[in-house]
Amino acid sequence: MERWTVAEPSDGRFRRHINHGGTPYWCMFDFAVLPAPECCGVEVALADDADPVTAEWFPHRRRGILRGLEVAREHSREWAGARVEVRKVHTHATDTTARGCERYGFEFAVDELPRRSVRLPEQRHAGPGGGPDRGGGK
């Protein structure tokens, strides 16, 4: 299992142009990606100063991000010690939907988060004396 983390804070705006041949959806958002060494995985949080519209759409975005992280885990890539903060969701009167926000969250987790992350060195399991277990047994 490859383990990844966020080494430096960064922020941005995630806007994906998705043309899937049906009714369009749109759910651009501003985010921050932050190191969170105390976190075992990835904490997906709503910014403290988020407006009511952002708070309304946040659960769908969070669900998508978590689903994307699960798919990454199924493909042997796991994040640790990171926080994704959703700061502002930009909406469209007819094209912003729960499904669209979830899809944007998923795409963020599989496409954008890896660009802002670094791979952690492999950890060796400690043997009985505290050093690396090199097998061999007795």
N, C-alpha and C. Protein backbone atom coordinates (compact mmCIF):
# COMPACT_ATOMS: atom_id res chain seq x y z
N MET A 1 0.85 -1.18 0.00
CA MET A 1 0.00 0.00 0.00
C MET A 1 0.89 1.24 0.00
N GLU A 2 0.72 2.09 -0.98
CA GLU A 2 1.43 3.37 -1.01
C GLU A 2 0.72 4.31 -0.04
N ARG A 3 1.51 5.02 0.74
CA ARG A 3 0.93 6.01 1.67
C ARG A 3 1.36 7.40 1.22
N TRP A 4 0.41 8.33 1.24
CA TRP A 4 0.62 9.69 0.79
C TRP A 4 0.18 10.66 1.85
N THR A 5 0.72 11.87 1.81
CA THR A 5 0.32 12.92 2.74
C THR A 5 0.46 14.28 2.07
N VAL A 6 0.06 15.29 2.79
CA VAL A 6 0.20 16.67 2.33
C VAL A 6 1.36 17.27 3.10
N ALA A 7 2.39 17.71 2.39
CA ALA A 7 3.58 18.26 3.04
C ALA A 7 3.46 19.75 3.30
N GLU A 8 2.77 20.47 2.41
CA GLU A 8 2.66 21.92 2.54
C GLU A 8 1.23 22.37 2.32
N PRO A 9 0.80 23.40 3.03
CA PRO A 9 -0.55 23.91 2.80
C PRO A 9 -0.66 24.52 1.40
N SER A 10 -1.81 24.34 0.79
CA SER A 10 -2.09 24.98 -0.49
C SER A 10 -3.59 25.20 -0.60
N ASP A 11 -3.98 26.04 -1.51
CA ASP A 11 -5.40 26.27 -1.72
C ASP A 11 -5.65 26.52 -3.20
N GLY A 12 -6.91 26.55 -3.55
CA GLY A 12 -7.23 26.77 -4.95
C GLY A 12 -8.72 26.71 -5.20
N ARG A 13 -9.05 26.67 -6.46
CA ARG A 13 -10.44 26.56 -6.90
C ARG A 13 -10.51 25.35 -7.83
N PHE A 14 -11.39 24.43 -7.49
CA PHE A 14 -11.56 23.23 -8.31
C PHE A 14 -12.75 23.45 -9.22
N ARG A 15 -12.48 23.48 -10.51
CA ARG A 15 -13.55 23.64 -11.50
C ARG A 15 -13.30 22.66 -12.63
N ARG A 16 -14.17 21.76 -12.73
CA ARG A 16 -14.07 20.71 -13.73
C ARG A 16 -15.15 20.95 -14.78
N HIS A 17 -14.78 20.80 -16.02
CA HIS A 17 -15.75 20.90 -17.10
C HIS A 17 -16.11 19.47 -17.51
N ILE A 18 -17.28 19.04 -17.11
CA ILE A 18 -17.70 17.67 -17.36
C ILE A 18 -18.80 17.68 -18.42
N ASN A 19 -18.53 17.05 -19.54
CA ASN A 19 -19.52 16.93 -20.61
C ASN A 19 -19.83 15.45 -20.73
N HIS A 20 -20.94 15.04 -20.18
CA HIS A 20 -21.28 13.63 -20.17
C HIS A 20 -22.48 13.32 -21.07
N GLY A 21 -22.90 14.27 -21.89
CA GLY A 21 -23.95 14.02 -22.85
C GLY A 21 -25.36 14.16 -22.32
N GLY A 22 -25.53 14.44 -21.05
CA GLY A 22 -26.86 14.61 -20.48
C GLY A 22 -27.02 16.02 -19.97
N THR A 23 -27.92 16.18 -19.04
CA THR A 23 -28.10 17.48 -18.42
C THR A 23 -26.81 17.84 -17.70
N PRO A 24 -26.28 19.04 -17.96
CA PRO A 24 -25.00 19.39 -17.33
C PRO A 24 -25.14 19.59 -15.82
N TYR A 25 -24.03 19.45 -15.13
CA TYR A 25 -24.01 19.85 -13.73
C TYR A 25 -22.74 20.62 -13.46
N TRP A 26 -22.84 21.46 -12.45
CA TRP A 26 -21.77 22.41 -12.17
C TRP A 26 -21.74 22.69 -10.68
N CYS A 27 -20.55 22.59 -10.09
CA CYS A 27 -20.45 22.76 -8.64
C CYS A 27 -19.02 23.12 -8.25
N MET A 28 -18.49 24.19 -8.81
CA MET A 28 -17.13 24.64 -8.56
C MET A 28 -16.97 24.96 -7.06
N PHE A 29 -15.75 24.77 -6.53
CA PHE A 29 -15.53 25.10 -5.12
C PHE A 29 -14.11 25.54 -4.84
N ASP A 30 -13.99 26.37 -3.81
CA ASP A 30 -12.69 26.81 -3.29
C ASP A 30 -12.31 25.89 -2.13
N PHE A 31 -11.04 25.57 -2.04
CA PHE A 31 -10.59 24.61 -1.04
C PHE A 31 -9.23 24.98 -0.49
N ALA A 32 -8.89 24.34 0.60
CA ALA A 32 -7.52 24.36 1.14
C ALA A 32 -7.15 22.91 1.43
N VAL A 33 -5.91 22.56 1.17
CA VAL A 33 -5.36 21.25 1.51
C VAL A 33 -4.25 21.52 2.51
N LEU A 34 -4.37 20.93 3.69
CA LEU A 34 -3.46 21.26 4.79
C LEU A 34 -2.86 20.01 5.42
N PRO A 35 -1.61 20.10 5.86
CA PRO A 35 -1.05 18.99 6.65
C PRO A 35 -1.82 18.89 7.97
N ALA A 36 -2.08 17.67 8.39
CA ALA A 36 -2.77 17.42 9.67
C ALA A 36 -2.14 16.17 10.29
N PRO A 37 -0.93 16.31 10.85
CA PRO A 37 -0.21 15.13 11.35
C PRO A 37 -0.98 14.34 12.39
N GLU A 38 -1.89 14.99 13.09
CA GLU A 38 -2.66 14.29 14.13
C GLU A 38 -3.76 13.40 13.56
N CYS A 39 -4.02 13.52 12.27
CA CYS A 39 -5.10 12.79 11.61
C CYS A 39 -4.55 11.50 10.99
N CYS A 40 -5.22 10.39 11.25
CA CYS A 40 -4.78 9.10 10.69
C CYS A 40 -5.04 9.00 9.19
N GLY A 41 -6.07 9.65 8.71
CA GLY A 41 -6.42 9.60 7.30
C GLY A 41 -6.53 10.99 6.73
N VAL A 42 -7.67 11.26 6.10
CA VAL A 42 -7.96 12.59 5.56
C VAL A 42 -9.22 13.10 6.23
N GLU A 43 -9.11 14.25 6.84
CA GLU A 43 -10.27 14.91 7.42
C GLU A 43 -10.85 15.82 6.35
N VAL A 44 -12.13 15.67 6.08
CA VAL A 44 -12.81 16.54 5.11
C VAL A 44 -13.73 17.44 5.91
N ALA A 45 -13.45 18.75 5.91
CA ALA A 45 -14.13 19.67 6.81
C ALA A 45 -14.69 20.88 6.05
N LEU A 46 -15.72 21.43 6.62
CA LEU A 46 -16.30 22.68 6.16
C LEU A 46 -15.57 23.81 6.86
N ALA A 47 -15.18 24.84 6.13
CA ALA A 47 -14.49 25.98 6.73
C ALA A 47 -15.37 26.62 7.80
N ASP A 48 -14.74 27.10 8.86
CA ASP A 48 -15.47 27.72 9.97
C ASP A 48 -16.31 28.91 9.52
N ASP A 49 -15.84 29.64 8.53
CA ASP A 49 -16.55 30.84 8.09
C ASP A 49 -17.36 30.62 6.80
N ALA A 50 -17.72 29.36 6.54
CA ALA A 50 -18.47 29.04 5.32
C ALA A 50 -19.86 29.68 5.35
N ASP A 51 -20.31 30.11 4.18
CA ASP A 51 -21.64 30.71 4.08
C ASP A 51 -22.71 29.61 4.03
N PRO A 52 -23.99 29.97 4.18
CA PRO A 52 -25.06 28.97 4.21
C PRO A 52 -25.17 28.13 2.93
N VAL A 53 -24.89 28.70 1.77
CA VAL A 53 -24.96 27.93 0.52
C VAL A 53 -23.88 26.85 0.52
N THR A 54 -22.69 27.21 0.95
CA THR A 54 -21.59 26.24 1.02
C THR A 54 -21.93 25.13 2.01
N ALA A 55 -22.49 25.49 3.15
CA ALA A 55 -22.89 24.49 4.15
C ALA A 55 -23.97 23.55 3.60
N GLU A 56 -24.87 24.08 2.79
CA GLU A 56 -25.94 23.26 2.21
C GLU A 56 -25.39 22.18 1.28
N TRP A 57 -24.41 22.53 0.45
CA TRP A 57 -23.88 21.60 -0.53
C TRP A 57 -22.70 20.78 -0.02
N PHE A 58 -22.15 21.13 1.12
CA PHE A 58 -20.97 20.45 1.67
C PHE A 58 -21.16 18.93 1.85
N PRO A 59 -22.27 18.44 2.40
CA PRO A 59 -22.37 16.99 2.61
C PRO A 59 -22.21 16.18 1.32
N HIS A 60 -22.70 16.70 0.21
CA HIS A 60 -22.58 16.00 -1.07
C HIS A 60 -21.12 15.99 -1.54
N ARG A 61 -20.47 17.12 -1.39
CA ARG A 61 -19.05 17.23 -1.76
C ARG A 61 -18.23 16.28 -0.90
N ARG A 62 -18.48 16.27 0.41
CA ARG A 62 -17.74 15.41 1.33
C ARG A 62 -17.93 13.94 0.96
N ARG A 63 -19.16 13.55 0.67
CA ARG A 63 -19.44 12.17 0.29
C ARG A 63 -18.63 11.78 -0.96
N GLY A 64 -18.55 12.67 -1.93
CA GLY A 64 -17.76 12.39 -3.13
C GLY A 64 -16.28 12.26 -2.85
N ILE A 65 -15.75 13.15 -2.02
CA ILE A 65 -14.32 13.09 -1.67
C ILE A 65 -14.02 11.77 -0.96
N LEU A 66 -14.86 11.40 -0.02
CA LEU A 66 -14.63 10.15 0.72
C LEU A 66 -14.73 8.94 -0.21
N ARG A 67 -15.65 8.97 -1.16
CA ARG A 67 -15.77 7.88 -2.13
C ARG A 67 -14.50 7.81 -3.00
N GLY A 68 -13.99 8.96 -3.41
CA GLY A 68 -12.76 8.99 -4.19
C GLY A 68 -11.57 8.43 -3.41
N LEU A 69 -11.50 8.77 -2.13
CA LEU A 69 -10.42 8.24 -1.29
C LEU A 69 -10.54 6.73 -1.13
N GLU A 70 -11.77 6.23 -1.06
CA GLU A 70 -11.99 4.78 -0.95
C GLU A 70 -11.55 4.08 -2.23
N VAL A 71 -11.87 4.64 -3.38
CA VAL A 71 -11.43 4.06 -4.65
C VAL A 71 -9.91 4.05 -4.72
N ALA A 72 -9.28 5.14 -4.29
CA ALA A 72 -7.81 5.18 -4.27
C ALA A 72 -7.25 4.08 -3.36
N ARG A 73 -7.88 3.88 -2.21
CA ARG A 73 -7.44 2.84 -1.27
C ARG A 73 -7.57 1.46 -1.92
N GLU A 74 -8.64 1.24 -2.67
CA GLU A 74 -8.82 -0.03 -3.38
C GLU A 74 -7.73 -0.27 -4.41
N HIS A 75 -7.10 0.81 -4.86
CA HIS A 75 -6.00 0.73 -5.82
C HIS A 75 -4.65 0.94 -5.13
N SER A 76 -4.60 0.64 -3.84
CA SER A 76 -3.37 0.63 -3.04
C SER A 76 -2.74 2.01 -2.85
N ARG A 77 -3.56 3.05 -2.77
CA ARG A 77 -3.06 4.39 -2.47
C ARG A 77 -3.89 4.94 -1.32
N GLU A 78 -3.19 5.29 -0.23
CA GLU A 78 -3.88 5.75 0.98
C GLU A 78 -3.26 7.04 1.46
N TRP A 79 -4.10 7.98 1.89
CA TRP A 79 -3.61 9.25 2.43
C TRP A 79 -3.67 9.23 3.95
N ALA A 80 -2.72 9.93 4.56
CA ALA A 80 -2.68 10.06 6.01
C ALA A 80 -2.21 11.47 6.36
N GLY A 81 -2.66 11.98 7.49
CA GLY A 81 -2.16 13.26 7.97
C GLY A 81 -2.53 14.44 7.11
N ALA A 82 -3.77 14.45 6.58
CA ALA A 82 -4.17 15.53 5.69
C ALA A 82 -5.57 16.04 6.05
N ARG A 83 -5.80 17.29 5.72
CA ARG A 83 -7.11 17.92 5.93
C ARG A 83 -7.49 18.63 4.63
N VAL A 84 -8.69 18.36 4.15
CA VAL A 84 -9.25 19.07 3.01
C VAL A 84 -10.37 19.94 3.56
N GLU A 85 -10.24 21.22 3.34
CA GLU A 85 -11.23 22.17 3.85
C GLU A 85 -11.98 22.78 2.67
N VAL A 86 -13.30 22.63 2.67
CA VAL A 86 -14.14 23.24 1.65
C VAL A 86 -14.50 24.64 2.15
N ARG A 87 -14.06 25.65 1.42
CA ARG A 87 -14.24 27.03 1.86
C ARG A 87 -15.44 27.72 1.24
N LYS A 88 -15.69 27.47 -0.03
CA LYS A 88 -16.79 28.14 -0.72
C LYS A 88 -17.25 27.28 -1.88
N VAL A 89 -18.55 27.00 -1.94
CA VAL A 89 -19.13 26.30 -3.07
C VAL A 89 -19.81 27.34 -3.94
N HIS A 90 -19.45 27.34 -5.22
CA HIS A 90 -20.07 28.24 -6.20
C HIS A 90 -21.13 27.44 -6.94
N THR A 91 -22.33 27.96 -7.00
CA THR A 91 -23.44 27.21 -7.55
C THR A 91 -24.05 27.89 -8.77
N HIS A 92 -24.85 27.13 -9.48
CA HIS A 92 -25.64 27.61 -10.60
C HIS A 92 -27.09 27.28 -10.28
N ALA A 93 -28.00 28.18 -10.60
CA ALA A 93 -29.41 28.03 -10.21
C ALA A 93 -30.02 26.71 -10.67
N THR A 94 -29.68 26.21 -11.85
CA THR A 94 -30.28 24.97 -12.31
C THR A 94 -29.29 23.82 -12.46
N ASP A 95 -28.02 24.11 -12.66
CA ASP A 95 -27.06 23.05 -12.97
C ASP A 95 -26.33 22.49 -11.75
N THR A 96 -26.52 23.06 -10.57
CA THR A 96 -25.91 22.52 -9.37
C THR A 96 -26.87 21.52 -8.75
N THR A 97 -26.41 20.28 -8.63
CA THR A 97 -27.23 19.21 -8.06
C THR A 97 -26.41 18.45 -7.04
N ALA A 98 -27.09 17.67 -6.22
CA ALA A 98 -26.40 16.84 -5.23
C ALA A 98 -25.45 15.86 -5.94
N ARG A 99 -25.92 15.26 -7.03
CA ARG A 99 -25.09 14.31 -7.77
C ARG A 99 -23.87 15.02 -8.37
N GLY A 100 -24.07 16.22 -8.89
CA GLY A 100 -22.95 16.98 -9.44
C GLY A 100 -21.92 17.34 -8.39
N CYS A 101 -22.38 17.78 -7.22
CA CYS A 101 -21.43 18.12 -6.14
C CYS A 101 -20.66 16.89 -5.70
N GLU A 102 -21.35 15.75 -5.62
CA GLU A 102 -20.66 14.52 -5.24
C GLU A 102 -19.63 14.14 -6.30
N ARG A 103 -19.98 14.28 -7.55
CA ARG A 103 -19.05 13.96 -8.64
C ARG A 103 -17.83 14.87 -8.60
N TYR A 104 -18.03 16.17 -8.37
CA TYR A 104 -16.91 17.09 -8.26
C TYR A 104 -16.00 16.70 -7.10
N GLY A 105 -16.59 16.31 -5.98
CA GLY A 105 -15.80 15.86 -4.83
C GLY A 105 -14.97 14.63 -5.17
N PHE A 106 -15.59 13.67 -5.86
CA PHE A 106 -14.90 12.46 -6.27
C PHE A 106 -13.72 12.80 -7.19
N GLU A 107 -13.98 13.62 -8.20
CA GLU A 107 -12.93 14.02 -9.14
C GLU A 107 -11.80 14.75 -8.43
N PHE A 108 -12.13 15.57 -7.45
CA PHE A 108 -11.12 16.27 -6.67
C PHE A 108 -10.20 15.26 -5.98
N ALA A 109 -10.80 14.25 -5.35
CA ALA A 109 -10.02 13.26 -4.59
C ALA A 109 -9.10 12.44 -5.50
N VAL A 110 -9.55 12.10 -6.69
CA VAL A 110 -8.73 11.24 -7.54
C VAL A 110 -7.80 12.01 -8.47
N ASP A 111 -8.10 13.27 -8.76
CA ASP A 111 -7.27 14.04 -9.68
C ASP A 111 -6.45 15.15 -9.02
N GLU A 112 -7.07 15.94 -8.17
CA GLU A 112 -6.40 17.12 -7.62
C GLU A 112 -5.58 16.79 -6.36
N LEU A 113 -6.13 16.02 -5.45
CA LEU A 113 -5.41 15.71 -4.21
C LEU A 113 -4.04 15.08 -4.47
N PRO A 114 -3.91 14.13 -5.40
CA PRO A 114 -2.58 13.57 -5.66
C PRO A 114 -1.56 14.62 -6.12
N ARG A 115 -2.01 15.64 -6.81
CA ARG A 115 -1.09 16.69 -7.27
C ARG A 115 -0.55 17.53 -6.12
N ARG A 116 -1.24 17.53 -5.03
CA ARG A 116 -0.85 18.34 -3.88
C ARG A 116 -0.28 17.49 -2.74
N SER A 117 0.08 16.26 -3.05
CA SER A 117 0.54 15.31 -2.04
C SER A 117 1.92 14.79 -2.36
N VAL A 118 2.54 14.21 -1.35
CA VAL A 118 3.84 13.55 -1.51
C VAL A 118 3.73 12.13 -0.96
N ARG A 119 4.49 11.25 -1.57
CA ARG A 119 4.49 9.86 -1.11
C ARG A 119 5.36 9.73 0.13
N LEU A 120 4.85 9.01 1.11
CA LEU A 120 5.61 8.74 2.33
C LEU A 120 6.54 7.56 2.09
N PRO A 121 7.71 7.57 2.74
CA PRO A 121 8.59 6.41 2.62
C PRO A 121 7.93 5.17 3.21
N GLU A 122 8.28 4.03 2.68
CA GLU A 122 7.72 2.79 3.21
C GLU A 122 8.19 2.58 4.64
N GLN A 123 7.29 2.07 5.45
CA GLN A 123 7.63 1.77 6.84
C GLN A 123 7.92 0.28 6.94
N ARG A 124 8.96 -0.02 7.63
CA ARG A 124 9.29 -1.42 7.87
C ARG A 124 8.70 -1.81 9.22
N HIS A 125 8.23 -3.02 9.31
CA HIS A 125 7.67 -3.50 10.58
C HIS A 125 8.81 -3.81 11.54
N ALA A 126 8.63 -3.41 12.78
CA ALA A 126 9.66 -3.65 13.79
C ALA A 126 9.66 -5.12 14.21
N GLY A 127 10.84 -5.67 14.33
CA GLY A 127 11.00 -7.04 14.82
C GLY A 127 11.00 -7.06 16.33
N PRO A 128 11.25 -8.19 16.95
CA PRO A 128 11.19 -8.32 18.42
C PRO A 128 12.12 -7.39 19.17
N GLY A 129 13.28 -7.04 18.59
CA GLY A 129 14.22 -6.16 19.28
C GLY A 129 14.01 -4.68 18.96
N GLY A 130 12.93 -4.36 18.24
CA GLY A 130 12.67 -2.97 17.92
C GLY A 130 13.23 -2.55 16.57
N GLY A 131 14.15 -3.34 16.01
CA GLY A 131 14.71 -3.04 14.71
C GLY A 131 13.85 -3.61 13.60
N PRO A 132 14.26 -3.43 12.37
CA PRO A 132 13.47 -3.97 11.27
C PRO A 132 13.41 -5.49 11.32
N ASP A 133 12.26 -6.03 11.01
CA ASP A 133 12.09 -7.48 10.96
C ASP A 133 12.54 -7.93 9.58
N ARG A 134 13.60 -8.67 9.52
CA ARG A 134 14.16 -9.10 8.25
C ARG A 134 13.77 -10.55 7.95
N GLY A 135 12.80 -11.05 8.65
CA GLY A 135 12.39 -12.45 8.42
C GLY A 135 13.42 -13.38 9.03
N GLY A 136 13.53 -14.54 8.50
CA GLY A 136 14.56 -15.46 8.97
C GLY A 136 14.12 -16.32 10.13
N GLY A 137 13.37 -15.77 11.06
CA GLY A 137 12.87 -16.54 12.19
C GLY A 137 13.92 -17.37 12.89
N LYS A 138 13.51 -18.15 13.89
CA LYS A 138 14.44 -19.01 14.65
C LYS A 138 14.15 -20.44 14.38
